Amino acid sequence: MLCITIAYKIMNTQQNNPLHGVKLQTIVEELEATIGWEKMAAKVKINCFKSNPSVKSSLTFLRRTPWAREEVENLYLKECLGLKPVVKQQADSDPWGKAKGKYN
């Protein structure tokens, strides 16, 4: 029920950013209530979901690990809100890639 309430608020405020205003703690708690720690550990392979899982340890790890946080946010979008996961475009591996052709 809480997922639906959050989804309604999100859709009405920022349509381009479905996670706007949703705290990481809320995401973890909703996932735990919806699918449980075991399924979370199966879908996102991180130890804080596997061994002795807790919201506090998960938040600590996710705040320090951007790739894991992105995976958990995408899992939340898919499982709780029924939306497609957000795919962030990775930056070009060569920071001078665009400038090379201009000045040579």
Protein backbone atom coordinates (compact mmCIF):
# COMPACT_ATOMS: atom_id res chain seq x y z
CA MET A 1 0.00 0.00 0.00
CA LEU A 2 2.84 2.37 0.85
CA CYS A 3 4.40 1.67 -2.58
CA ILE A 4 1.24 2.91 -4.27
CA THR A 5 1.14 6.07 -2.17
CA ILE A 6 4.79 6.83 -2.92
CA ALA A 7 4.27 6.07 -6.62
CA TYR A 8 1.32 8.48 -6.76
CA LYS A 9 3.33 11.29 -5.13
CA ILE A 10 6.27 10.67 -7.45
CA MET A 11 4.22 10.66 -10.63
CA ASN A 12 2.59 13.95 -9.74
CA THR A 13 5.75 15.86 -8.80
CA GLN A 14 8.56 14.89 -11.17
CA GLN A 15 7.70 12.76 -14.14
CA ASN A 16 11.27 12.50 -15.43
CA ASN A 17 12.77 11.36 -12.13
CA PRO A 18 10.71 8.62 -10.49
CA LEU A 19 12.97 8.48 -7.42
CA HIS A 20 12.76 12.18 -6.61
CA GLY A 21 11.92 12.66 -2.95
CA VAL A 22 12.22 8.97 -2.06
CA LYS A 23 14.78 8.32 0.67
CA LEU A 24 17.19 5.42 0.38
CA GLN A 25 15.93 4.13 3.72
CA THR A 26 12.38 4.02 2.32
CA ILE A 27 13.60 2.12 -0.72
CA VAL A 28 15.37 -0.53 1.38
CA GLU A 29 12.48 -0.89 3.82
CA GLU A 30 9.91 -1.21 1.02
CA LEU A 31 11.99 -3.81 -0.80
CA GLU A 32 12.45 -5.78 2.42
CA ALA A 33 8.71 -5.70 3.10
CA THR A 34 7.79 -6.53 -0.50
CA ILE A 35 10.27 -9.23 -1.56
CA GLY A 36 12.38 -9.95 1.55
CA TRP A 37 16.11 -10.15 2.18
CA GLU A 38 16.59 -13.49 0.42
CA LYS A 39 15.18 -12.32 -2.91
CA MET A 40 17.00 -9.01 -2.57
CA ALA A 41 20.27 -10.93 -2.10
CA ALA A 42 19.50 -13.10 -5.12
CA LYS A 43 18.81 -10.13 -7.38
CA VAL A 44 21.54 -7.80 -6.09
CA LYS A 45 24.67 -9.72 -5.15
CA ILE A 46 25.94 -7.82 -2.11
CA ASN A 47 26.87 -9.22 1.30
CA CYS A 48 24.81 -6.76 3.33
CA PHE A 49 21.69 -8.51 1.96
CA LYS A 50 23.11 -12.03 2.42
CA SER A 51 24.75 -12.30 5.83
CA ASN A 52 23.00 -10.81 8.84
CA PRO A 53 20.97 -8.29 6.82
CA SER A 54 19.70 -5.10 8.38
CA VAL A 55 18.48 -1.76 7.12
CA LYS A 56 21.31 0.07 8.89
CA SER A 57 24.14 -2.02 7.40
CA SER A 58 22.52 -1.85 3.97
CA LEU A 59 22.22 1.93 4.10
CA THR A 60 25.84 2.31 5.15
CA PHE A 61 27.05 0.17 2.26
CA LEU A 62 24.71 1.64 -0.36
CA ARG A 63 25.61 5.22 0.49
CA ARG A 64 29.30 4.44 -0.10
CA THR A 65 28.89 2.26 -3.20
CA PRO A 66 27.27 3.99 -6.18
CA TRP A 67 26.99 0.89 -8.42
CA ALA A 68 25.16 -1.06 -5.70
CA ARG A 69 22.86 1.85 -4.94
CA GLU A 70 21.95 2.11 -8.62
CA GLU A 71 21.11 -1.60 -8.74
CA VAL A 72 18.93 -1.35 -5.62
CA GLU A 73 17.15 1.72 -6.97
CA ASN A 74 16.46 -0.12 -10.24
CA LEU A 75 15.19 -3.13 -8.30
CA TYR A 76 12.84 -0.81 -6.37
CA LEU A 77 11.55 0.72 -9.59
CA LYS A 78 10.87 -2.71 -11.04
CA GLU A 79 9.48 -4.55 -8.00
CA CYS A 80 7.62 -1.84 -6.08
CA LEU A 81 6.62 0.70 -8.70
CA GLY A 82 6.40 -1.52 -11.79
CA LEU A 83 8.58 0.81 -13.86
CA LYS A 84 11.47 0.09 -16.20
CA PRO A 85 14.92 0.38 -14.60
CA VAL A 86 16.83 3.58 -15.31
CA VAL A 87 19.95 3.02 -17.39
CA LYS A 88 22.55 5.68 -16.78
CA GLN A 89 24.85 6.43 -19.67
CA GLN A 90 28.46 5.82 -18.83
CA ALA A 91 30.91 8.58 -19.54
CA ASP A 92 33.31 8.10 -22.42
CA SER A 93 36.39 6.24 -21.19
CA ASP A 94 38.64 8.80 -22.88
CA PRO A 95 37.94 12.28 -21.48
CA TRP A 96 39.73 13.87 -24.47
CA GLY A 97 37.87 11.78 -27.05
CA LYS A 98 35.70 14.58 -28.46
CA ALA A 99 38.53 17.11 -28.58
CA LYS A 100 41.03 14.90 -30.43
CA GLY A 101 39.48 15.34 -33.85
CA LYS A 102 39.00 19.10 -33.50
CA TYR A 103 42.57 20.18 -32.94
CA ASN A 104 44.68 17.60 -34.80
